[in-house]
Amino acid sequence: MSSLKVIENRVLEDLLGMASGYVLDFSNTTFADFFRDTVNIDIYSSKYGSRRESKAKRLRAFWVTEPDALVGKVLSSLLDIWQYNAERNGQTNDSPQYKQAAVIVARLTGKQPDP
């Protein structure tokens, strides 16, 4: 079980656009591929929800179920994708939410956040 706090959940959910049930710009297939490639997990297994659960609900279930190091690894990769998407769209990664998310990932993984 990860040690994510309520405020950290909010920061991450806002940054990843999870209010609508989506996570970033993932389709079901690319979300499954992401989890398999990043941590060799089937995010669509019953461990993370029923067949009709959204990507956001599955990610929340993953946060609750898995240990800090694993959650941190996934979040780090999600931040990389967020950063790629932002740069592709002419945005920068200097938003307060991104910086807060990087600190959260650093805490979970035990690594220092990038400056």
Protein backbone atom coordinates (compact mmCIF):
# COMPACT_ATOMS: atom_id res chain seq x y z
CA MET A 1 0.00 0.00 0.00
CA SER A 2 1.48 3.35 -0.99
CA SER A 3 1.74 6.23 1.41
CA LEU A 4 0.19 8.82 -0.91
CA LYS A 5 -1.57 11.52 1.06
CA VAL A 6 -4.93 13.07 0.13
CA ILE A 7 -3.37 16.30 -1.11
CA GLU A 8 -0.82 14.36 -3.15
CA ASN A 9 -3.64 12.39 -4.77
CA ARG A 10 -5.31 15.65 -5.74
CA VAL A 11 -2.15 17.09 -7.24
CA LEU A 12 -1.55 13.95 -9.29
CA GLU A 13 -5.16 13.60 -10.37
CA ASP A 14 -5.27 17.22 -11.55
CA LEU A 15 -1.97 16.96 -13.40
CA LEU A 16 -2.92 13.69 -15.11
CA GLY A 17 -6.45 14.88 -16.00
CA MET A 18 -8.19 12.07 -14.12
CA ALA A 19 -11.48 13.83 -13.24
CA SER A 20 -13.06 12.55 -16.45
CA GLY A 21 -11.97 8.95 -15.87
CA TYR A 22 -9.10 9.21 -18.32
CA VAL A 23 -5.37 9.35 -17.64
CA LEU A 24 -3.43 11.70 -19.92
CA ASP A 25 -4.17 10.70 -23.53
CA PHE A 26 -4.11 6.92 -23.02
CA SER A 27 -6.52 4.57 -24.75
CA ASN A 28 -7.32 1.29 -22.99
CA THR A 29 -4.75 -0.47 -25.14
CA THR A 30 -1.97 2.06 -24.65
CA PHE A 31 -2.69 2.19 -20.89
CA ALA A 32 -2.33 -1.58 -20.68
CA ASP A 33 0.86 -1.41 -22.77
CA PHE A 34 2.26 1.33 -20.54
CA PHE A 35 1.78 -0.74 -17.37
CA ARG A 36 3.13 -3.91 -18.96
CA ASP A 37 6.21 -2.12 -20.31
CA THR A 38 6.85 -0.04 -17.17
CA VAL A 39 6.23 -2.52 -14.34
CA ASN A 40 5.11 -5.76 -16.01
CA ILE A 41 1.61 -5.49 -14.51
CA ASP A 42 -1.77 -6.20 -16.10
CA ILE A 43 -3.64 -3.08 -15.00
CA TYR A 44 -6.85 -4.65 -16.33
CA SER A 45 -6.68 -7.59 -13.92
CA SER A 46 -9.44 -7.85 -11.32
CA LYS A 47 -6.93 -6.75 -8.68
CA TYR A 48 -7.38 -3.16 -9.91
CA GLY A 49 -11.11 -3.12 -10.61
CA SER A 50 -14.00 -4.65 -12.47
CA ARG A 51 -14.15 -4.91 -16.25
CA ARG A 52 -15.87 -1.56 -16.64
CA GLU A 53 -13.63 0.52 -14.40
CA SER A 54 -12.09 3.63 -15.97
CA LYS A 55 -8.36 4.14 -16.38
CA ALA A 56 -8.43 6.72 -13.59
CA LYS A 57 -10.17 4.32 -11.19
CA ARG A 58 -7.67 1.59 -12.04
CA LEU A 59 -4.76 3.95 -11.43
CA ARG A 60 -6.25 4.95 -8.07
CA ALA A 61 -6.63 1.27 -7.17
CA PHE A 62 -3.00 0.72 -8.17
CA TRP A 63 -1.96 3.59 -5.86
CA VAL A 64 -3.85 2.05 -2.94
CA THR A 65 -2.69 -1.52 -3.58
CA GLU A 66 0.98 -1.28 -4.48
CA PRO A 67 4.06 -0.18 -2.46
CA ASP A 68 5.66 3.25 -2.71
CA ALA A 69 8.57 2.19 -4.91
CA LEU A 70 6.31 0.65 -7.56
CA VAL A 71 3.84 3.55 -7.47
CA GLY A 72 6.74 5.98 -7.71
CA LYS A 73 8.16 4.19 -10.74
CA VAL A 74 4.81 4.36 -12.56
CA LEU A 75 4.29 7.99 -11.60
CA SER A 76 7.79 8.89 -12.76
CA SER A 77 7.04 7.39 -16.18
CA LEU A 78 3.66 9.15 -16.28
CA LEU A 79 5.41 12.45 -15.56
CA ASP A 80 7.81 11.75 -18.44
CA ILE A 81 4.82 11.30 -20.74
CA TRP A 82 3.14 14.42 -19.35
CA GLN A 83 6.35 16.37 -19.98
CA TYR A 84 6.63 15.03 -23.53
CA ASN A 85 3.01 15.98 -24.25
CA ALA A 86 3.51 19.45 -22.75
CA GLU A 87 6.64 20.12 -24.81
CA ARG A 88 4.94 18.81 -27.93
CA ASN A 89 2.13 21.31 -27.33
CA GLY A 90 4.51 24.22 -26.68
CA GLN A 91 4.06 24.19 -22.89
CA THR A 92 6.69 23.91 -20.20
CA ASN A 93 7.11 21.66 -17.19
CA ASP A 94 7.48 24.57 -14.77
CA SER A 95 3.87 24.44 -13.59
CA PRO A 96 3.43 24.29 -9.81
CA GLN A 97 1.52 21.00 -10.14
CA TYR A 98 4.31 19.38 -12.14
CA LYS A 99 6.88 20.50 -9.58
CA GLN A 100 4.72 19.17 -6.73
CA ALA A 101 4.28 15.88 -8.58
CA ALA A 102 8.05 15.57 -9.06
CA VAL A 103 8.53 16.02 -5.30
CA ILE A 104 5.89 13.35 -4.64
CA VAL A 105 7.65 10.91 -6.98
CA ALA A 106 10.97 11.65 -5.32
CA ARG A 107 9.50 10.90 -1.90
CA LEU A 108 7.98 7.63 -3.10
CA THR A 109 11.13 6.45 -4.86
CA GLY A 110 13.61 7.79 -2.32
CA LYS A 111 15.38 9.85 -4.98
CA GLN A 112 15.99 13.58 -5.12
CA PRO A 113 13.68 15.51 -7.47
CA ASP A 114 15.22 16.94 -10.61
CA PRO A 115 15.99 20.68 -10.25
